[in-house]
Amino acid sequence: MQHMTRPDLALMAVEKYAGVKTIATAFAKFGFTSASFEVQDDGVFQNILTGLGFAYGLALTLRLYKSRGFNFEAPVCSTWIWLNRPGPAFLYHLRLQSETCIDFSSANTMVARTCIYLYILSTLGLCWCIEQPASSLLEKHVCFEWLSKQCTVYKAFVWMGSYGGGCGLAFIQY
């Protein structure tokens, strides 16, 4: 992992919750320095739920400043979509207050820490994008609502039918 051994390397793109690393790979293909952050690659240093993972993600975030780079986030959506809601009367604030369930607690921590990254990027004047499925309630999370009040956040819908999916949405700050 080159980006871990070169702390002086300014990055043009960081993709967090990278999965198959589509964004980071696309930037690298065109000759831009990029890094990915994915728990499946390293369960400690690339896990936002650990202290070391959060710190490493923050280091990657700050390395975008020198080159005025782009940050892309795709937090795990499974706890925020319709499929995982316990019923039609489910209210998002119940999930935010349910710290007894590890899945909800982890999801809340993930979103809160992601919002810290996004707030730092916004204060540095850098652009970012956060991607979620259209049915996601992530935007109702108290930390994301707070972030949206601190900076201008645009919401865009993307038709993913051409790529075998449904409608997705992206929150963008630039």
C-alpha atoms as a PDB file:
ATOM      1  CA  MET A   1       0.000   0.000   0.000  1.00  0.00           C
ATOM      2  CA  GLN A   2       2.047   2.863  -1.356  1.00  0.00           C
ATOM      3  CA  HIS A   3      -0.010   5.593   0.286  1.00  0.00           C
ATOM      4  CA  MET A   4       0.856   4.205   3.736  1.00  0.00           C
ATOM      5  CA  THR A   5       4.613   4.408   3.192  1.00  0.00           C
ATOM      6  CA  ARG A   6       4.755   7.901   1.672  1.00  0.00           C
ATOM      7  CA  PRO A   7       3.333  10.398   4.187  1.00  0.00           C
ATOM      8  CA  ASP A   8       4.653  13.315   2.095  1.00  0.00           C
ATOM      9  CA  LEU A   9       2.586  12.273  -0.908  1.00  0.00           C
ATOM     10  CA  ALA A  10      -0.237  14.710  -1.618  1.00  0.00           C
ATOM     11  CA  LEU A  11      -3.364  12.942  -2.800  1.00  0.00           C
ATOM     12  CA  MET A  12      -5.752  13.956  -5.571  1.00  0.00           C
ATOM     13  CA  ALA A  13      -8.452  11.482  -4.502  1.00  0.00           C
ATOM     14  CA  VAL A  14      -9.417   9.473  -1.453  1.00  0.00           C
ATOM     15  CA  GLU A  15     -12.143   6.856  -1.598  1.00  0.00           C
ATOM     16  CA  LYS A  16     -13.423   5.726   1.798  1.00  0.00           C
ATOM     17  CA  TYR A  17     -15.553   2.593   2.216  1.00  0.00           C
ATOM     18  CA  ALA A  18     -13.980   1.736  -1.100  1.00  0.00           C
ATOM     19  CA  GLY A  19     -15.319  -1.766  -1.797  1.00  0.00           C
ATOM     20  CA  VAL A  20     -13.905  -2.537  -5.247  1.00  0.00           C
ATOM     21  CA  LYS A  21     -12.077   0.823  -5.359  1.00  0.00           C
ATOM     22  CA  THR A  22     -13.720   2.156  -8.511  1.00  0.00           C
ATOM     23  CA  ILE A  23     -13.079   5.851  -7.765  1.00  0.00           C
ATOM     24  CA  ALA A  24      -9.466   5.439  -6.581  1.00  0.00           C
ATOM     25  CA  THR A  25      -8.687   3.177  -9.540  1.00  0.00           C
ATOM     26  CA  ALA A  26     -10.202   5.632 -12.032  1.00  0.00           C
ATOM     27  CA  PHE A  27      -8.098   8.518 -10.665  1.00  0.00           C
ATOM     28  CA  ALA A  28      -4.949   6.364 -10.733  1.00  0.00           C
ATOM     29  CA  LYS A  29      -5.697   5.290 -14.313  1.00  0.00           C
ATOM     30  CA  PHE A  30      -5.453   8.933 -15.376  1.00  0.00           C
ATOM     31  CA  GLY A  31      -2.197   9.483 -13.490  1.00  0.00           C
ATOM     32  CA  PHE A  32      -3.545  11.089 -10.313  1.00  0.00           C
ATOM     33  CA  THR A  33      -2.394   9.998  -6.881  1.00  0.00           C
ATOM     34  CA  SER A  34      -5.191   8.270  -5.024  1.00  0.00           C
ATOM     35  CA  ALA A  35      -5.779   6.158  -1.952  1.00  0.00           C
ATOM     36  CA  SER A  36      -8.536   3.869  -0.793  1.00  0.00           C
ATOM     37  CA  PHE A  37      -9.829   3.143   2.694  1.00  0.00           C
ATOM     38  CA  GLU A  38     -11.586  -0.222   3.040  1.00  0.00           C
ATOM     39  CA  VAL A  39     -12.061  -2.361   6.148  1.00  0.00           C
ATOM     40  CA  GLN A  40     -11.737  -5.558   4.099  1.00  0.00           C
ATOM     41  CA  ASP A  41      -8.169  -4.540   3.236  1.00  0.00           C
ATOM     42  CA  ASP A  42      -7.128  -3.854   6.835  1.00  0.00           C
ATOM     43  CA  GLY A  43      -9.458  -4.499   9.777  1.00  0.00           C
ATOM     44  CA  VAL A  44      -7.586  -2.127  12.097  1.00  0.00           C
ATOM     45  CA  PHE A  45      -6.019   0.748  10.147  1.00  0.00           C
ATOM     46  CA  GLN A  46      -8.866   0.995   7.629  1.00  0.00           C
ATOM     47  CA  ASN A  47     -11.755   0.426   9.998  1.00  0.00           C
ATOM     48  CA  ILE A  48     -13.423   3.734  10.881  1.00  0.00           C
ATOM     49  CA  LEU A  49     -14.817   2.149  14.057  1.00  0.00           C
ATOM     50  CA  THR A  50     -11.339   1.750  15.585  1.00  0.00           C
ATOM     51  CA  GLY A  51      -9.306   4.650  16.921  1.00  0.00           C
ATOM     52  CA  LEU A  52      -6.386   3.849  14.625  1.00  0.00           C
ATOM     53  CA  GLY A  53      -8.710   3.523  11.634  1.00  0.00           C
ATOM     54  CA  PHE A  54     -10.375   6.849  12.342  1.00  0.00           C
ATOM     55  CA  ALA A  55      -6.957   8.518  12.705  1.00  0.00           C
ATOM     56  CA  TYR A  56      -5.678   6.957   9.479  1.00  0.00           C
ATOM     57  CA  GLY A  57      -8.818   8.088   7.631  1.00  0.00           C
ATOM     58  CA  LEU A  58      -8.247  11.579   9.000  1.00  0.00           C
ATOM     59  CA  ALA A  59      -4.623  11.515   7.792  1.00  0.00           C
ATOM     60  CA  LEU A  60      -5.797  10.570   4.291  1.00  0.00           C
ATOM     61  CA  THR A  61      -8.402  13.337   4.429  1.00  0.00           C
ATOM     62  CA  LEU A  62      -5.825  15.977   5.362  1.00  0.00           C
ATOM     63  CA  ARG A  63      -3.451  14.845   2.593  1.00  0.00           C
ATOM     64  CA  LEU A  64      -6.013  16.102   0.071  1.00  0.00           C
ATOM     65  CA  TYR A  65      -5.409  19.715   1.106  1.00  0.00           C
ATOM     66  CA  LYS A  66      -2.058  20.284  -0.599  1.00  0.00           C
ATOM     67  CA  SER A  67      -3.299  19.156  -4.022  1.00  0.00           C
ATOM     68  CA  ARG A  68      -6.899  20.417  -3.597  1.00  0.00           C
ATOM     69  CA  GLY A  69      -8.066  16.822  -3.998  1.00  0.00           C
ATOM     70  CA  PHE A  70     -11.466  15.102  -4.037  1.00  0.00           C
ATOM     71  CA  ASN A  71     -12.951  12.941  -1.279  1.00  0.00           C
ATOM     72  CA  PHE A  72     -15.536  10.235  -2.003  1.00  0.00           C
ATOM     73  CA  GLU A  73     -17.413   8.419   0.761  1.00  0.00           C
ATOM     74  CA  ALA A  74     -19.843   5.503   0.556  1.00  0.00           C
ATOM     75  CA  PRO A  75     -20.686   4.506   4.144  1.00  0.00           C
ATOM     76  CA  VAL A  76     -22.216   1.080   4.595  1.00  0.00           C
ATOM     77  CA  CYS A  77     -25.849   1.633   3.715  1.00  0.00           C
ATOM     78  CA  SER A  78     -27.393  -1.583   5.029  1.00  0.00           C
ATOM     79  CA  THR A  79     -28.528  -0.061   8.330  1.00  0.00           C
ATOM     80  CA  TRP A  80     -30.016   3.025   6.670  1.00  0.00           C
ATOM     81  CA  ILE A  81     -32.131   1.539   3.860  1.00  0.00           C
ATOM     82  CA  TRP A  82     -35.774   0.392   3.857  1.00  0.00           C
ATOM     83  CA  LEU A  83     -34.843  -3.285   3.993  1.00  0.00           C
ATOM     84  CA  ASN A  84     -33.423  -2.997   7.495  1.00  0.00           C
ATOM     85  CA  ARG A  85     -36.236  -0.970   9.057  1.00  0.00           C
ATOM     86  CA  PRO A  86     -38.267  -2.961  11.572  1.00  0.00           C
ATOM     87  CA  GLY A  87     -41.634  -1.860  10.215  1.00  0.00           C
ATOM     88  CA  PRO A  88     -43.554   0.796   8.311  1.00  0.00           C
ATOM     89  CA  ALA A  89     -43.881   2.973  11.419  1.00  0.00           C
ATOM     90  CA  PHE A  90     -40.124   2.968  12.015  1.00  0.00           C
ATOM     91  CA  LEU A  91     -38.761   6.393  12.903  1.00  0.00           C
ATOM     92  CA  TYR A  92     -35.151   7.190  12.199  1.00  0.00           C
ATOM     93  CA  HIS A  93     -34.635   8.852  15.576  1.00  0.00           C
ATOM     94  CA  LEU A  94     -35.300   5.547  17.341  1.00  0.00           C
ATOM     95  CA  ARG A  95     -32.275   4.110  15.574  1.00  0.00           C
ATOM     96  CA  LEU A  96     -30.155   7.065  16.642  1.00  0.00           C
ATOM     97  CA  GLN A  97     -31.118   6.562  20.279  1.00  0.00           C
ATOM     98  CA  SER A  98     -30.695   2.776  20.270  1.00  0.00           C
ATOM     99  CA  GLU A  99     -27.139   2.355  21.516  1.00  0.00           C
ATOM    100  CA  THR A 100     -27.934  -1.075  23.010  1.00  0.00           C
ATOM    101  CA  CYS A 101     -27.863  -2.733  19.604  1.00  0.00           C
ATOM    102  CA  ILE A 102     -24.316  -3.062  18.263  1.00  0.00           C
ATOM    103  CA  ASP A 103     -25.414  -2.659  14.636  1.00  0.00           C
ATOM    104  CA  PHE A 104     -27.091   0.675  15.321  1.00  0.00           C
ATOM    105  CA  SER A 105     -24.258   1.871  17.540  1.00  0.00           C
ATOM    106  CA  SER A 106     -21.675   1.021  14.872  1.00  0.00           C
ATOM    107  CA  ALA A 107     -23.771   2.693  12.164  1.00  0.00           C
ATOM    108  CA  ASN A 108     -24.117   5.841  14.259  1.00  0.00           C
ATOM    109  CA  THR A 109     -20.383   5.927  14.970  1.00  0.00           C
ATOM    110  CA  MET A 110     -19.624   5.431  11.283  1.00  0.00           C
ATOM    111  CA  VAL A 111     -21.857   8.312  10.209  1.00  0.00           C
ATOM    112  CA  ALA A 112     -20.666  10.621  12.996  1.00  0.00           C
ATOM    113  CA  ARG A 113     -17.008  10.044  12.123  1.00  0.00           C
ATOM    114  CA  THR A 114     -17.719  10.411   8.410  1.00  0.00           C
ATOM    115  CA  CYS A 115     -19.366  13.763   9.151  1.00  0.00           C
ATOM    116  CA  ILE A 116     -16.227  14.854  11.016  1.00  0.00           C
ATOM    117  CA  TYR A 117     -14.182  14.125   7.876  1.00  0.00           C
ATOM    118  CA  LEU A 118     -16.695  15.994   5.714  1.00  0.00           C
ATOM    119  CA  TYR A 119     -16.758  18.995   8.033  1.00  0.00           C
ATOM    120  CA  ILE A 120     -12.965  19.235   7.952  1.00  0.00           C
ATOM    121  CA  LEU A 121     -13.012  18.997   4.155  1.00  0.00           C
ATOM    122  CA  SER A 122     -15.647  21.740   3.997  1.00  0.00           C
ATOM    123  CA  THR A 123     -13.672  24.070   6.254  1.00  0.00           C
ATOM    124  CA  LEU A 124     -10.605  23.501   4.044  1.00  0.00           C
ATOM    125  CA  GLY A 125     -12.658  24.366   0.958  1.00  0.00           C
ATOM    126  CA  LEU A 126     -12.328  20.890  -0.566  1.00  0.00           C
ATOM    127  CA  CYS A 127     -15.032  19.022  -2.447  1.00  0.00           C
ATOM    128  CA  TRP A 128     -16.543  15.815  -1.297  1.00  0.00           C
ATOM    129  CA  CYS A 129     -19.285  13.399  -2.261  1.00  0.00           C
ATOM    130  CA  ILE A 130     -21.153  10.880  -0.147  1.00  0.00           C
ATOM    131  CA  GLU A 131     -23.124   8.161  -1.940  1.00  0.00           C
ATOM    132  CA  GLN A 132     -26.171   6.274  -0.664  1.00  0.00           C
ATOM    133  CA  PRO A 133     -29.126   4.343  -2.118  1.00  0.00           C
ATOM    134  CA  ALA A 134     -32.271   6.413  -2.690  1.00  0.00           C
ATOM    135  CA  SER A 135     -34.106   4.781   0.235  1.00  0.00           C
ATOM    136  CA  SER A 136     -31.359   5.627   2.735  1.00  0.00           C
ATOM    137  CA  LEU A 137     -32.205   7.657   5.830  1.00  0.00           C
ATOM    138  CA  LEU A 138     -28.584   8.605   6.467  1.00  0.00           C
ATOM    139  CA  GLU A 139     -29.389  12.238   5.704  1.00  0.00           C
ATOM    140  CA  LYS A 140     -31.723  12.214   8.733  1.00  0.00           C
ATOM    141  CA  HIS A 141     -28.887  11.347  11.097  1.00  0.00           C
ATOM    142  CA  VAL A 142     -28.396  14.185  13.577  1.00  0.00           C
ATOM    143  CA  CYS A 143     -24.716  14.585  12.636  1.00  0.00           C
ATOM    144  CA  PHE A 144     -25.499  14.814   8.920  1.00  0.00           C
ATOM    145  CA  GLU A 145     -28.329  17.269   9.604  1.00  0.00           C
ATOM    146  CA  TRP A 146     -25.873  19.383  11.627  1.00  0.00           C
ATOM    147  CA  LEU A 147     -23.299  19.191   8.830  1.00  0.00           C
ATOM    148  CA  SER A 148     -25.916  20.305   6.300  1.00  0.00           C
ATOM    149  CA  LYS A 149     -26.558  23.415   8.404  1.00  0.00           C
ATOM    150  CA  GLN A 150     -22.840  24.250   8.567  1.00  0.00           C
ATOM    151  CA  CYS A 151     -22.152  24.137   4.836  1.00  0.00           C
ATOM    152  CA  THR A 152     -24.052  24.002   1.575  1.00  0.00           C
ATOM    153  CA  VAL A 153     -24.818  20.404   0.668  1.00  0.00           C
ATOM    154  CA  TYR A 154     -26.387  19.493  -2.654  1.00  0.00           C
ATOM    155  CA  LYS A 155     -28.493  16.384  -3.085  1.00  0.00           C
ATOM    156  CA  ALA A 156     -28.442  14.671  -6.471  1.00  0.00           C
ATOM    157  CA  PHE A 157     -30.314  11.606  -7.695  1.00  0.00           C
ATOM    158  CA  VAL A 158     -28.516   9.265 -10.051  1.00  0.00           C
ATOM    159  CA  TRP A 159     -30.398   6.758 -12.183  1.00  0.00           C
ATOM    160  CA  MET A 160     -28.403   3.553 -11.893  1.00  0.00           C
ATOM    161  CA  GLY A 161     -30.621   1.496 -14.218  1.00  0.00           C
ATOM    162  CA  SER A 162     -27.950   1.541 -16.901  1.00  0.00           C
ATOM    163  CA  TYR A 163     -25.630  -0.152 -14.436  1.00  0.00           C
ATOM    164  CA  GLY A 164     -28.067  -2.760 -13.149  1.00  0.00           C
ATOM    165  CA  GLY A 165     -29.277  -0.886 -10.081  1.00  0.00           C
ATOM    166  CA  GLY A 166     -32.124   1.310  -8.919  1.00  0.00           C
ATOM    167  CA  CYS A 167     -32.010   5.012  -8.155  1.00  0.00           C
ATOM    168  CA  GLY A 168     -29.152   6.232  -5.989  1.00  0.00           C
ATOM    169  CA  LEU A 169     -28.429   9.581  -4.440  1.00  0.00           C
ATOM    170  CA  ALA A 170     -25.347  11.588  -3.729  1.00  0.00           C
ATOM    171  CA  PHE A 171     -24.718  14.462  -1.369  1.00  0.00           C
ATOM    172  CA  ILE A 172     -22.117  16.833  -2.743  1.00  0.00           C
ATOM    173  CA  GLN A 173     -20.299  19.829  -1.341  1.00  0.00           C
ATOM    174  CA  TYR A 174     -18.055  21.874  -3.610  1.00  0.00           C
END
